[in-house]
Amino acid sequence: MSSLPTQFAGVTAVTKANIYFDGKVVSHTVLMPDGAKKTLGIIYPGSYHFGTAAPERMEIVAGTCQVTLDGATAEKEYHAGTAFDVPGKSGFTIAVSSGICEYICSFL
């Protein structure tokens, strides 16, 4: 059983979507009661590179993706219930081969 949350209580949801790569990656920002920021999103099939200003944790809620962190040569697969961390001032390439990958991104 996954330890990922299925809902967040008492949050503020930003209604304007964050849209990347012509709508193939879409997320919404959620502001937690303690001031923390998260995004909840979906990724359609394709390969996409993201840069990070601050460290991030990507938790996969549904689907499967392949991730290569900047500076690494090995690609690693993640599926529902797993997570990976990305250092700040870095980046990663995330690829989805089929279906839709759903995620929670926490800014650490």
PDB file of N, CA and C in Angstrom:
ATOM      1  N   MET A   1       0.844  -1.188   0.000  1.00  0.00           N
ATOM      2  CA  MET A   1       0.000   0.000   0.000  1.00  0.00           C
ATOM      3  C   MET A   1       0.885   1.245   0.000  1.00  0.00           C
ATOM      4  N   SER A   2       0.563   2.194  -0.835  1.00  0.00           N
ATOM      5  CA  SER A   2       1.343   3.419  -0.948  1.00  0.00           C
ATOM      6  C   SER A   2       1.098   4.332   0.252  1.00  0.00           C
ATOM      7  N   SER A   3       2.147   5.061   0.633  1.00  0.00           N
ATOM      8  CA  SER A   3       2.002   6.023   1.721  1.00  0.00           C
ATOM      9  C   SER A   3       1.728   7.427   1.191  1.00  0.00           C
ATOM     10  N   LEU A   4       1.514   7.551  -0.116  1.00  0.00           N
ATOM     11  CA  LEU A   4       1.219   8.865  -0.693  1.00  0.00           C
ATOM     12  C   LEU A   4      -0.159   9.332  -0.256  1.00  0.00           C
ATOM     13  N   PRO A   5      -0.303  10.636  -0.037  1.00  0.00           N
ATOM     14  CA  PRO A   5      -1.627  11.152   0.343  1.00  0.00           C
ATOM     15  C   PRO A   5      -2.619  11.021  -0.810  1.00  0.00           C
ATOM     16  N   THR A   6      -3.879  10.819  -0.465  1.00  0.00           N
ATOM     17  CA  THR A   6      -4.928  10.780  -1.483  1.00  0.00           C
ATOM     18  C   THR A   6      -5.689  12.097  -1.541  1.00  0.00           C
ATOM     19  N   GLN A   7      -5.466  12.946  -0.528  1.00  0.00           N
ATOM     20  CA  GLN A   7      -6.069  14.284  -0.522  1.00  0.00           C
ATOM     21  C   GLN A   7      -5.302  15.167   0.449  1.00  0.00           C
ATOM     22  N   PHE A   8      -5.465  16.493   0.272  1.00  0.00           N
ATOM     23  CA  PHE A   8      -4.870  17.469   1.175  1.00  0.00           C
ATOM     24  C   PHE A   8      -6.007  18.299   1.755  1.00  0.00           C
ATOM     25  N   ALA A   9      -6.071  18.416   3.067  1.00  0.00           N
ATOM     26  CA  ALA A   9      -7.134  19.173   3.732  1.00  0.00           C
ATOM     27  C   ALA A   9      -6.650  20.583   4.066  1.00  0.00           C
ATOM     28  N   GLY A  10      -7.561  21.543   4.030  1.00  0.00           N
ATOM     29  CA  GLY A  10      -7.278  22.901   4.478  1.00  0.00           C
ATOM     30  C   GLY A  10      -6.261  23.646   3.643  1.00  0.00           C
ATOM     31  N   VAL A  11      -6.228  23.388   2.341  1.00  0.00           N
ATOM     32  CA  VAL A  11      -5.239  24.022   1.468  1.00  0.00           C
ATOM     33  C   VAL A  11      -5.870  25.127   0.630  1.00  0.00           C
ATOM     34  N   THR A  12      -5.012  25.935   0.013  1.00  0.00           N
ATOM     35  CA  THR A  12      -5.446  26.906  -0.979  1.00  0.00           C
ATOM     36  C   THR A  12      -4.978  26.403  -2.333  1.00  0.00           C
ATOM     37  N   ALA A  13      -5.898  26.269  -3.279  1.00  0.00           N
ATOM     38  CA  ALA A  13      -5.556  25.817  -4.630  1.00  0.00           C
ATOM     39  C   ALA A  13      -5.536  27.029  -5.556  1.00  0.00           C
ATOM     40  N   VAL A  14      -4.464  27.161  -6.309  1.00  0.00           N
ATOM     41  CA  VAL A  14      -4.344  28.228  -7.294  1.00  0.00           C
ATOM     42  C   VAL A  14      -5.065  27.754  -8.552  1.00  0.00           C
ATOM     43  N   THR A  15      -6.029  28.537  -9.033  1.00  0.00           N
ATOM     44  CA  THR A  15      -6.868  28.086 -10.139  1.00  0.00           C
ATOM     45  C   THR A  15      -6.180  28.138 -11.499  1.00  0.00           C
ATOM     46  N   LYS A  16      -5.211  29.018 -11.684  1.00  0.00           N
ATOM     47  CA  LYS A  16      -4.510  29.103 -12.970  1.00  0.00           C
ATOM     48  C   LYS A  16      -3.528  27.944 -13.076  1.00  0.00           C
ATOM     49  N   ALA A  17      -3.657  27.162 -14.139  1.00  0.00           N
ATOM     50  CA  ALA A  17      -2.790  26.007 -14.343  1.00  0.00           C
ATOM     51  C   ALA A  17      -1.395  26.436 -14.783  1.00  0.00           C
ATOM     52  N   ASN A  18      -0.414  25.608 -14.442  1.00  0.00           N
ATOM     53  CA  ASN A  18       0.945  25.719 -14.974  1.00  0.00           C
ATOM     54  C   ASN A  18       0.987  24.791 -16.184  1.00  0.00           C
ATOM     55  N   ILE A  19       1.154  25.341 -17.375  1.00  0.00           N
ATOM     56  CA  ILE A  19       1.084  24.546 -18.595  1.00  0.00           C
ATOM     57  C   ILE A  19       2.445  24.578 -19.283  1.00  0.00           C
ATOM     58  N   TYR A  20       2.990  23.385 -19.540  1.00  0.00           N
ATOM     59  CA  TYR A  20       4.309  23.256 -20.162  1.00  0.00           C
ATOM     60  C   TYR A  20       4.208  22.377 -21.405  1.00  0.00           C
ATOM     61  N   PHE A  21       5.143  22.562 -22.317  1.00  0.00           N
ATOM     62  CA  PHE A  21       5.282  21.708 -23.487  1.00  0.00           C
ATOM     63  C   PHE A  21       3.964  21.533 -24.241  1.00  0.00           C
ATOM     64  N   ASP A  22       3.357  22.682 -24.591  1.00  0.00           N
ATOM     65  CA  ASP A  22       2.108  22.685 -25.376  1.00  0.00           C
ATOM     66  C   ASP A  22       1.000  21.860 -24.739  1.00  0.00           C
ATOM     67  N   GLY A  23       0.931  21.876 -23.402  1.00  0.00           N
ATOM     68  CA  GLY A  23      -0.145  21.193 -22.689  1.00  0.00           C
ATOM     69  C   GLY A  23       0.118  19.726 -22.391  1.00  0.00           C
ATOM     70  N   LYS A  24       1.320  19.252 -22.679  1.00  0.00           N
ATOM     71  CA  LYS A  24       1.627  17.843 -22.413  1.00  0.00           C
ATOM     72  C   LYS A  24       2.029  17.592 -20.963  1.00  0.00           C
ATOM     73  N   VAL A  25       2.340  18.675 -20.231  1.00  0.00           N
ATOM     74  CA  VAL A  25       2.570  18.610 -18.789  1.00  0.00           C
ATOM     75  C   VAL A  25       1.760  19.755 -18.170  1.00  0.00           C
ATOM     76  N   VAL A  26       0.863  19.420 -17.265  1.00  0.00           N
ATOM     77  CA  VAL A  26      -0.025  20.414 -16.652  1.00  0.00           C
ATOM     78  C   VAL A  26      -0.062  20.178 -15.143  1.00  0.00           C
ATOM     79  N   SER A  27       0.059  21.265 -14.378  1.00  0.00           N
ATOM     80  CA  SER A  27      -0.041  21.137 -12.926  1.00  0.00           C
ATOM     81  C   SER A  27      -0.801  22.310 -12.338  1.00  0.00           C
ATOM     82  N   HIS A  28      -1.244  22.132 -11.107  1.00  0.00           N
ATOM     83  CA  HIS A  28      -1.869  23.195 -10.324  1.00  0.00           C
ATOM     84  C   HIS A  28      -1.108  23.321  -9.012  1.00  0.00           C
ATOM     85  N   THR A  29      -0.917  24.548  -8.582  1.00  0.00           N
ATOM     86  CA  THR A  29      -0.209  24.823  -7.336  1.00  0.00           C
ATOM     87  C   THR A  29      -1.176  24.718  -6.167  1.00  0.00           C
ATOM     88  N   VAL A  30      -0.703  24.084  -5.088  1.00  0.00           N
ATOM     89  CA  VAL A  30      -1.459  23.950  -3.856  1.00  0.00           C
ATOM     90  C   VAL A  30      -0.598  24.525  -2.734  1.00  0.00           C
ATOM     91  N   LEU A  31      -1.160  25.452  -1.980  1.00  0.00           N
ATOM     92  CA  LEU A  31      -0.459  26.065  -0.852  1.00  0.00           C
ATOM     93  C   LEU A  31      -0.964  25.427   0.425  1.00  0.00           C
ATOM     94  N   MET A  32      -0.039  24.823   1.150  1.00  0.00           N
ATOM     95  CA  MET A  32      -0.383  24.079   2.361  1.00  0.00           C
ATOM     96  C   MET A  32      -0.610  25.047   3.534  1.00  0.00           C
ATOM     97  N   PRO A  33      -1.342  24.616   4.566  1.00  0.00           N
ATOM     98  CA  PRO A  33      -1.591  25.483   5.720  1.00  0.00           C
ATOM     99  C   PRO A  33      -0.311  26.001   6.387  1.00  0.00           C
ATOM    100  N   ASP A  34       0.776  25.220   6.322  1.00  0.00           N
ATOM    101  CA  ASP A  34       2.036  25.652   6.947  1.00  0.00           C
ATOM    102  C   ASP A  34       2.889  26.524   6.027  1.00  0.00           C
ATOM    103  N   GLY A  35       2.350  26.878   4.847  1.00  0.00           N
ATOM    104  CA  GLY A  35       3.065  27.727   3.905  1.00  0.00           C
ATOM    105  C   GLY A  35       3.848  26.974   2.844  1.00  0.00           C
ATOM    106  N   ALA A  36       3.955  25.662   2.982  1.00  0.00           N
ATOM    107  CA  ALA A  36       4.658  24.862   1.976  1.00  0.00           C
ATOM    108  C   ALA A  36       3.900  24.897   0.653  1.00  0.00           C
ATOM    109  N   LYS A  37       4.636  24.738  -0.435  1.00  0.00           N
ATOM    110  CA  LYS A  37       4.054  24.756  -1.779  1.00  0.00           C
ATOM    111  C   LYS A  37       4.251  23.402  -2.437  1.00  0.00           C
ATOM    112  N   LYS A  38       3.198  22.926  -3.084  1.00  0.00           N
ATOM    113  CA  LYS A  38       3.241  21.685  -3.852  1.00  0.00           C
ATOM    114  C   LYS A  38       2.556  21.945  -5.182  1.00  0.00           C
ATOM    115  N   THR A  39       2.864  21.105  -6.158  1.00  0.00           N
ATOM    116  CA  THR A  39       2.072  21.105  -7.378  1.00  0.00           C
ATOM    117  C   THR A  39       1.555  19.691  -7.594  1.00  0.00           C
ATOM    118  N   LEU A  40       0.354  19.606  -8.132  1.00  0.00           N
ATOM    119  CA  LEU A  40      -0.274  18.338  -8.496  1.00  0.00           C
ATOM    120  C   LEU A  40      -0.416  18.358 -10.004  1.00  0.00           C
ATOM    121  N   GLY A  41       0.107  17.338 -10.675  1.00  0.00           N
ATOM    122  CA  GLY A  41       0.089  17.416 -12.122  1.00  0.00           C
ATOM    123  C   GLY A  41      -0.007  16.094 -12.835  1.00  0.00           C
ATOM    124  N   ILE A  42      -0.088  16.224 -14.172  1.00  0.00           N
ATOM    125  CA  ILE A  42      -0.132  15.076 -15.068  1.00  0.00           C
ATOM    126  C   ILE A  42       0.870  15.294 -16.191  1.00  0.00           C
ATOM    127  N   ILE A  43       1.403  14.177 -16.675  1.00  0.00           N
ATOM    128  CA  ILE A  43       2.361  14.201 -17.770  1.00  0.00           C
ATOM    129  C   ILE A  43       1.877  13.219 -18.833  1.00  0.00           C
ATOM    130  N   TYR A  44       1.688  13.727 -20.050  1.00  0.00           N
ATOM    131  CA  TYR A  44       1.307  12.887 -21.178  1.00  0.00           C
ATOM    132  C   TYR A  44       2.563  12.280 -21.802  1.00  0.00           C
ATOM    133  N   PRO A  45       2.410  11.261 -22.638  1.00  0.00           N
ATOM    134  CA  PRO A  45       3.578  10.630 -23.248  1.00  0.00           C
ATOM    135  C   PRO A  45       4.499  11.629 -23.953  1.00  0.00           C
ATOM    136  N   GLY A  46       5.790  11.419 -23.768  1.00  0.00           N
ATOM    137  CA  GLY A  46       6.830  12.262 -24.353  1.00  0.00           C
ATOM    138  C   GLY A  46       7.984  12.361 -23.384  1.00  0.00           C
ATOM    139  N   SER A  47       8.988  13.148 -23.761  1.00  0.00           N
ATOM    140  CA  SER A  47      10.163  13.362 -22.917  1.00  0.00           C
ATOM    141  C   SER A  47      10.332  14.855 -22.701  1.00  0.00           C
ATOM    142  N   TYR A  48      10.536  15.259 -21.440  1.00  0.00           N
ATOM    143  CA  TYR A  48      10.544  16.671 -21.075  1.00  0.00           C
ATOM    144  C   TYR A  48      11.667  16.952 -20.083  1.00  0.00           C
ATOM    145  N   HIS A  49      12.326  18.088 -20.252  1.00  0.00           N
ATOM    146  CA  HIS A  49      13.388  18.472 -19.312  1.00  0.00           C
ATOM    147  C   HIS A  49      12.915  19.654 -18.475  1.00  0.00           C
ATOM    148  N   PHE A  50      13.143  19.574 -17.161  1.00  0.00           N
ATOM    149  CA  PHE A  50      12.801  20.642 -16.230  1.00  0.00           C
ATOM    150  C   PHE A  50      14.038  21.044 -15.446  1.00  0.00           C
ATOM    151  N   GLY A  51      14.207  22.330 -15.230  1.00  0.00           N
ATOM    152  CA  GLY A  51      15.241  22.840 -14.352  1.00  0.00           C
ATOM    153  C   GLY A  51      14.646  23.099 -12.978  1.00  0.00           C
ATOM    154  N   THR A  52      15.490  23.053 -11.952  1.00  0.00           N
ATOM    155  CA  THR A  52      15.022  23.303 -10.588  1.00  0.00           C
ATOM    156  C   THR A  52      15.791  24.468  -9.985  1.00  0.00           C
ATOM    157  N   ALA A  53      15.079  25.343  -9.314  1.00  0.00           N
ATOM    158  CA  ALA A  53      15.728  26.411  -8.545  1.00  0.00           C
ATOM    159  C   ALA A  53      16.019  25.880  -7.138  1.00  0.00           C
ATOM    160  N   ALA A  54      14.987  25.340  -6.505  1.00  0.00           N
ATOM    161  CA  ALA A  54      15.098  24.763  -5.157  1.00  0.00           C
ATOM    162  C   ALA A  54      15.002  23.241  -5.265  1.00  0.00           C
ATOM    163  N   PRO A  55      15.431  22.527  -4.244  1.00  0.00           N
ATOM    164  CA  PRO A  55      15.276  21.063  -4.252  1.00  0.00           C
ATOM    165  C   PRO A  55      13.792  20.676  -4.336  1.00  0.00           C
ATOM    166  N   GLU A  56      13.532  19.565  -5.017  1.00  0.00           N
ATOM    167  CA  GLU A  56      12.167  19.087  -5.199  1.00  0.00           C
ATOM    168  C   GLU A  56      12.092  17.585  -4.925  1.00  0.00           C
ATOM    169  N   ARG A  57      10.923  17.154  -4.497  1.00  0.00           N
ATOM    170  CA  ARG A  57      10.623  15.723  -4.397  1.00  0.00           C
ATOM    171  C   ARG A  57       9.430  15.449  -5.299  1.00  0.00           C
ATOM    172  N   MET A  58       9.598  14.520  -6.211  1.00  0.00           N
ATOM    173  CA  MET A  58       8.524  14.120  -7.114  1.00  0.00           C
ATOM    174  C   MET A  58       7.996  12.761  -6.670  1.00  0.00           C
ATOM    175  N   GLU A  59       6.718  12.732  -6.283  1.00  0.00           N
ATOM    176  CA  GLU A  59       6.068  11.494  -5.863  1.00  0.00           C
ATOM    177  C   GLU A  59       5.110  11.076  -6.979  1.00  0.00           C
ATOM    178  N   ILE A  60       5.239   9.863  -7.439  1.00  0.00           N
ATOM    179  CA  ILE A  60       4.407   9.378  -8.535  1.00  0.00           C
ATOM    180  C   ILE A  60       3.124   8.784  -7.945  1.00  0.00           C
ATOM    181  N   VAL A  61       2.004   9.354  -8.338  1.00  0.00           N
ATOM    182  CA  VAL A  61       0.691   8.954  -7.827  1.00  0.00           C
ATOM    183  C   VAL A  61       0.097   7.840  -8.683  1.00  0.00           C
ATOM    184  N   ALA A  62       0.260   7.931 -10.012  1.00  0.00           N
ATOM    185  CA  ALA A  62      -0.279   6.931 -10.935  1.00  0.00           C
ATOM    186  C   ALA A  62       0.574   6.933 -12.197  1.00  0.00           C
ATOM    187  N   GLY A  63       0.628   5.787 -12.839  1.00  0.00           N
ATOM    188  CA  GLY A  63       1.400   5.676 -14.070  1.00  0.00           C
ATOM    189  C   GLY A  63       2.859   5.360 -13.807  1.00  0.00           C
ATOM    190  N   THR A  64       3.642   5.457 -14.870  1.00  0.00           N
ATOM    191  CA  THR A  64       5.064   5.127 -14.829  1.00  0.00           C
ATOM    192  C   THR A  64       5.841   6.165 -15.624  1.00  0.00           C
ATOM    193  N   CYS A  65       7.049   6.458 -15.165  1.00  0.00           N
ATOM    194  CA  CYS A  65       7.915   7.390 -15.890  1.00  0.00           C
ATOM    195  C   CYS A  65       9.359   6.933 -15.773  1.00  0.00           C
ATOM    196  N   GLN A  66      10.190   7.432 -16.667  1.00  0.00           N
ATOM    197  CA  GLN A  66      11.618   7.196 -16.631  1.00  0.00           C
ATOM    198  C   GLN A  66      12.281   8.543 -16.389  1.00  0.00           C
ATOM    199  N   VAL A  67      13.254   8.585 -15.481  1.00  0.00           N
ATOM    200  CA  VAL A  67      13.868   9.845 -15.066  1.00  0.00           C
ATOM    201  C   VAL A  67      15.383   9.744 -15.163  1.00  0.00           C
ATOM    202  N   THR A  68      15.982  10.801 -15.709  1.00  0.00           N
ATOM    203  CA  THR A  68      17.430  10.954 -15.696  1.00  0.00           C
ATOM    204  C   THR A  68      17.735  12.296 -15.046  1.00  0.00           C
ATOM    205  N   LEU A  69      18.416  12.264 -13.910  1.00  0.00           N
ATOM    206  CA  LEU A  69      18.816  13.502 -13.233  1.00  0.00           C
ATOM    207  C   LEU A  69      19.966  14.135 -14.006  1.00  0.00           C
ATOM    208  N   ASP A  70      20.016  15.457 -14.046  1.00  0.00           N
ATOM    209  CA  ASP A  70      21.129  16.149 -14.696  1.00  0.00           C
ATOM    210  C   ASP A  70      22.442  15.642 -14.117  1.00  0.00           C
ATOM    211  N   GLY A  71      23.403  15.388 -14.974  1.00  0.00           N
ATOM    212  CA  GLY A  71      24.708  14.908 -14.545  1.00  0.00           C
ATOM    213  C   GLY A  71      24.803  13.396 -14.430  1.00  0.00           C
ATOM    214  N   ALA A  72      23.667  12.696 -14.518  1.00  0.00           N
ATOM    215  CA  ALA A  72      23.653  11.235 -14.443  1.00  0.00           C
ATOM    216  C   ALA A  72      23.516  10.665 -15.851  1.00  0.00           C
ATOM    217  N   THR A  73      23.994   9.474 -16.033  1.00  0.00           N
ATOM    218  CA  THR A  73      23.826   8.812 -17.327  1.00  0.00           C
ATOM    219  C   THR A  73      22.752   7.738 -17.266  1.00  0.00           C
ATOM    220  N   ALA A  74      22.493   7.231 -16.068  1.00  0.00           N
ATOM    221  CA  ALA A  74      21.514   6.149 -15.908  1.00  0.00           C
ATOM    222  C   ALA A  74      20.099   6.706 -15.798  1.00  0.00           C
ATOM    223  N   GLU A  75      19.201   6.068 -16.522  1.00  0.00           N
ATOM    224  CA  GLU A  75      17.778   6.377 -16.436  1.00  0.00           C
ATOM    225  C   GLU A  75      17.170   5.408 -15.432  1.00  0.00           C
ATOM    226  N   LYS A  76      16.252   5.903 -14.595  1.00  0.00           N
ATOM    227  CA  LYS A  76      15.605   5.052 -13.592  1.00  0.00           C
ATOM    228  C   LYS A  76      14.096   5.132 -13.775  1.00  0.00           C
ATOM    229  N   GLU A  77      13.441   4.011 -13.604  1.00  0.00           N
ATOM    230  CA  GLU A  77      11.985   3.970 -13.748  1.00  0.00           C
ATOM    231  C   GLU A  77      11.308   4.146 -12.394  1.00  0.00           C
ATOM    232  N   TYR A  78      10.228   4.932 -12.396  1.00  0.00           N
ATOM    233  CA  TYR A  78       9.421   5.151 -11.198  1.00  0.00           C
ATOM    234  C   TYR A  78       7.972   4.842 -11.536  1.00  0.00           C
ATOM    235  N   HIS A  79       7.270   4.277 -10.584  1.00  0.00           N
ATOM    236  CA  HIS A  79       5.864   3.933 -10.766  1.00  0.00           C
ATOM    237  C   HIS A  79       5.075   4.420  -9.550  1.00  0.00           C
ATOM    238  N   ALA A  80       3.771   4.259  -9.584  1.00  0.00           N
ATOM    239  CA  ALA A  80       2.905   4.728  -8.495  1.00  0.00           C
ATOM    240  C   ALA A  80       3.421   4.254  -7.148  1.00  0.00           C
ATOM    241  N   GLY A  81       3.508   5.187  -6.210  1.00  0.00           N
ATOM    242  CA  GLY A  81       3.955   4.876  -4.859  1.00  0.00           C
ATOM    243  C   GLY A  81       5.442   5.089  -4.641  1.00  0.00           C
ATOM    244  N   THR A  82       6.167   5.505  -5.694  1.00  0.00           N
ATOM    245  CA  THR A  82       7.603   5.756  -5.555  1.00  0.00           C
ATOM    246  C   THR A  82       7.872   7.250  -5.712  1.00  0.00           C
ATOM    247  N   ALA A  83       9.102   7.659  -5.369  1.00  0.00           N
ATOM    248  CA  ALA A  83       9.449   9.083  -5.418  1.00  0.00           C
ATOM    249  C   ALA A  83      10.926   9.237  -5.739  1.00  0.00           C
ATOM    250  N   PHE A  84      11.282  10.419  -6.237  1.00  0.00           N
ATOM    251  CA  PHE A  84      12.689  10.753  -6.436  1.00  0.00           C
ATOM    252  C   PHE A  84      12.906  12.210  -6.062  1.00  0.00           C
ATOM    253  N   ASP A  85      14.130  12.517  -5.642  1.00  0.00           N
ATOM    254  CA  ASP A  85      14.508  13.870  -5.243  1.00  0.00           C
ATOM    255  C   ASP A  85      15.424  14.479  -6.292  1.00  0.00           C
ATOM    256  N   VAL A  86      15.254  15.767  -6.516  1.00  0.00           N
ATOM    257  CA  VAL A  86      16.080  16.513  -7.465  1.00  0.00           C
ATOM    258  C   VAL A  86      16.745  17.650  -6.693  1.00  0.00           C
ATOM    259  N   PRO A  87      18.068  17.781  -6.801  1.00  0.00           N
ATOM    260  CA  PRO A  87      18.739  18.886  -6.107  1.00  0.00           C
ATOM    261  C   PRO A  87      18.324  20.243  -6.671  1.00  0.00           C
ATOM    262  N   GLY A  88      18.490  21.281  -5.871  1.00  0.00           N
ATOM    263  CA  GLY A  88      18.257  22.636  -6.346  1.00  0.00           C
ATOM    264  C   GLY A  88      19.328  23.033  -7.353  1.00  0.00           C
ATOM    265  N   LYS A  89      19.005  24.030  -8.174  1.00  0.00           N
ATOM    266  CA  LYS A  89      19.926  24.513  -9.211  1.00  0.00           C
ATOM    267  C   LYS A  89      20.421  23.360 -10.078  1.00  0.00           C
ATOM    268  N   SER A  90      19.503  22.488 -10.447  1.00  0.00           N
ATOM    269  CA  SER A  90      19.814  21.300 -11.226  1.00  0.00           C
ATOM    270  C   SER A  90      18.670  21.077 -12.209  1.00  0.00           C
ATOM    271  N   GLY A  91      18.381  19.836 -12.502  1.00  0.00           N
ATOM    272  CA  GLY A  91      17.276  19.531 -13.385  1.00  0.00           C
ATOM    273  C   GLY A  91      17.152  18.042 -13.613  1.00  0.00           C
ATOM    274  N   PHE A  92      16.172  17.682 -14.430  1.00  0.00           N
ATOM    275  CA  PHE A  92      15.930  16.283 -14.741  1.00  0.00           C
ATOM    276  C   PHE A  92      15.134  16.174 -16.023  1.00  0.00           C
ATOM    277  N   THR A  93      15.290  15.040 -16.669  1.00  0.00           N
ATOM    278  CA  THR A  93      14.471  14.703 -17.833  1.00  0.00           C
ATOM    279  C   THR A  93      13.519  13.608 -17.386  1.00  0.00           C
ATOM    280  N   ILE A  94      12.238  13.826 -17.670  1.00  0.00           N
ATOM    281  CA  ILE A  94      11.221  12.837 -17.312  1.00  0.00           C
ATOM    282  C   ILE A  94      10.519  12.407 -18.594  1.00  0.00           C
ATOM    283  N   ALA A  95      10.370  11.108 -18.760  1.00  0.00           N
ATOM    284  CA  ALA A  95       9.751  10.570 -19.964  1.00  0.00           C
ATOM    285  C   ALA A  95       8.624   9.618 -19.581  1.00  0.00           C
ATOM    286  N   VAL A  96       7.547   9.714 -20.340  1.00  0.00           N
ATOM    287  CA  VAL A  96       6.403   8.813 -20.170  1.00  0.00           C
ATOM    288  C   VAL A  96       6.208   8.128 -21.523  1.00  0.00           C
ATOM    289  N   SER A  97       6.238   6.806 -21.532  1.00  0.00           N
ATOM    290  CA  SER A  97       6.142   6.095 -22.812  1.00  0.00           C
ATOM    291  C   SER A  97       4.696   5.810 -23.213  1.00  0.00           C
ATOM    292  N   SER A  98       3.818   5.618 -22.234  1.00  0.00           N
ATOM    293  CA  SER A  98       2.409   5.389 -22.560  1.00  0.00           C
ATOM    294  C   SER A  98       1.542   5.754 -21.359  1.00  0.00           C
ATOM    295  N   GLY A  99       0.290   6.028 -21.636  1.00  0.00           N
ATOM    296  CA  GLY A  99      -0.632   6.411 -20.568  1.00  0.00           C
ATOM    297  C   GLY A  99      -0.305   7.789 -20.034  1.00  0.00           C
ATOM    298  N   ILE A 100      -0.774   8.067 -18.836  1.00  0.00           N
ATOM    299  CA  ILE A 100      -0.556   9.360 -18.182  1.00  0.00           C
ATOM    300  C   ILE A 100       0.101   9.101 -16.834  1.00  0.00           C
ATOM    301  N   CYS A 101       1.100   9.900 -16.526  1.00  0.00           N
ATOM    302  CA  CYS A 101       1.763   9.832 -15.227  1.00  0.00           C
ATOM    303  C   CYS A 101       1.231  10.990 -14.377  1.00  0.00           C
ATOM    304  N   GLU A 102       0.781  10.697 -13.159  1.00  0.00           N
ATOM    305  CA  GLU A 102       0.290  11.716 -12.234  1.00  0.00           C
ATOM    306  C   GLU A 102       1.293  11.866 -11.102  1.00  0.00           C
ATOM    307  N   TYR A 103       1.499  13.112 -10.647  1.00  0.00           N
ATOM    308  CA  TYR A 103       2.527  13.333  -9.642  1.00  0.00           C
ATOM    309  C   TYR A 103       2.146  14.411  -8.636  1.00  0.00           C
ATOM    310  N   ILE A 104       2.855  14.374  -7.503  1.00  0.00           N
ATOM    311  CA  ILE A 104       2.868  15.449  -6.510  1.00  0.00           C
ATOM    312  C   ILE A 104       4.309  15.942  -6.451  1.00  0.00           C
ATOM    313  N   CYS A 105       4.520  17.218  -6.687  1.00  0.00           N
ATOM    314  CA  CYS A 105       5.853  17.812  -6.565  1.00  0.00           C
ATOM    315  C   CYS A 105       5.886  18.673  -5.315  1.00  0.00           C
ATOM    316  N   SER A 106       6.800  18.345  -4.403  1.00  0.00           N
ATOM    317  CA  SER A 106       6.977  19.135  -3.189  1.00  0.00           C
ATOM    318  C   SER A 106       8.268  19.935  -3.307  1.00  0.00           C
ATOM    319  N   PHE A 107       8.187  21.216  -2.976  1.00  0.00           N
ATOM    320  CA  PHE A 107       9.354  22.088  -3.019  1.00  0.00           C
ATOM    321  C   PHE A 107       9.966  22.075  -1.625  1.00  0.00           C
ATOM    322  N   LEU A 108      11.169  21.526  -1.527  1.00  0.00           N
ATOM    323  CA  LEU A 108      11.800  21.263  -0.222  1.00  0.00           C
ATOM    324  C   LEU A 108      12.577  22.455   0.304  1.00  0.00           C
TER     325      LEU A 108
END
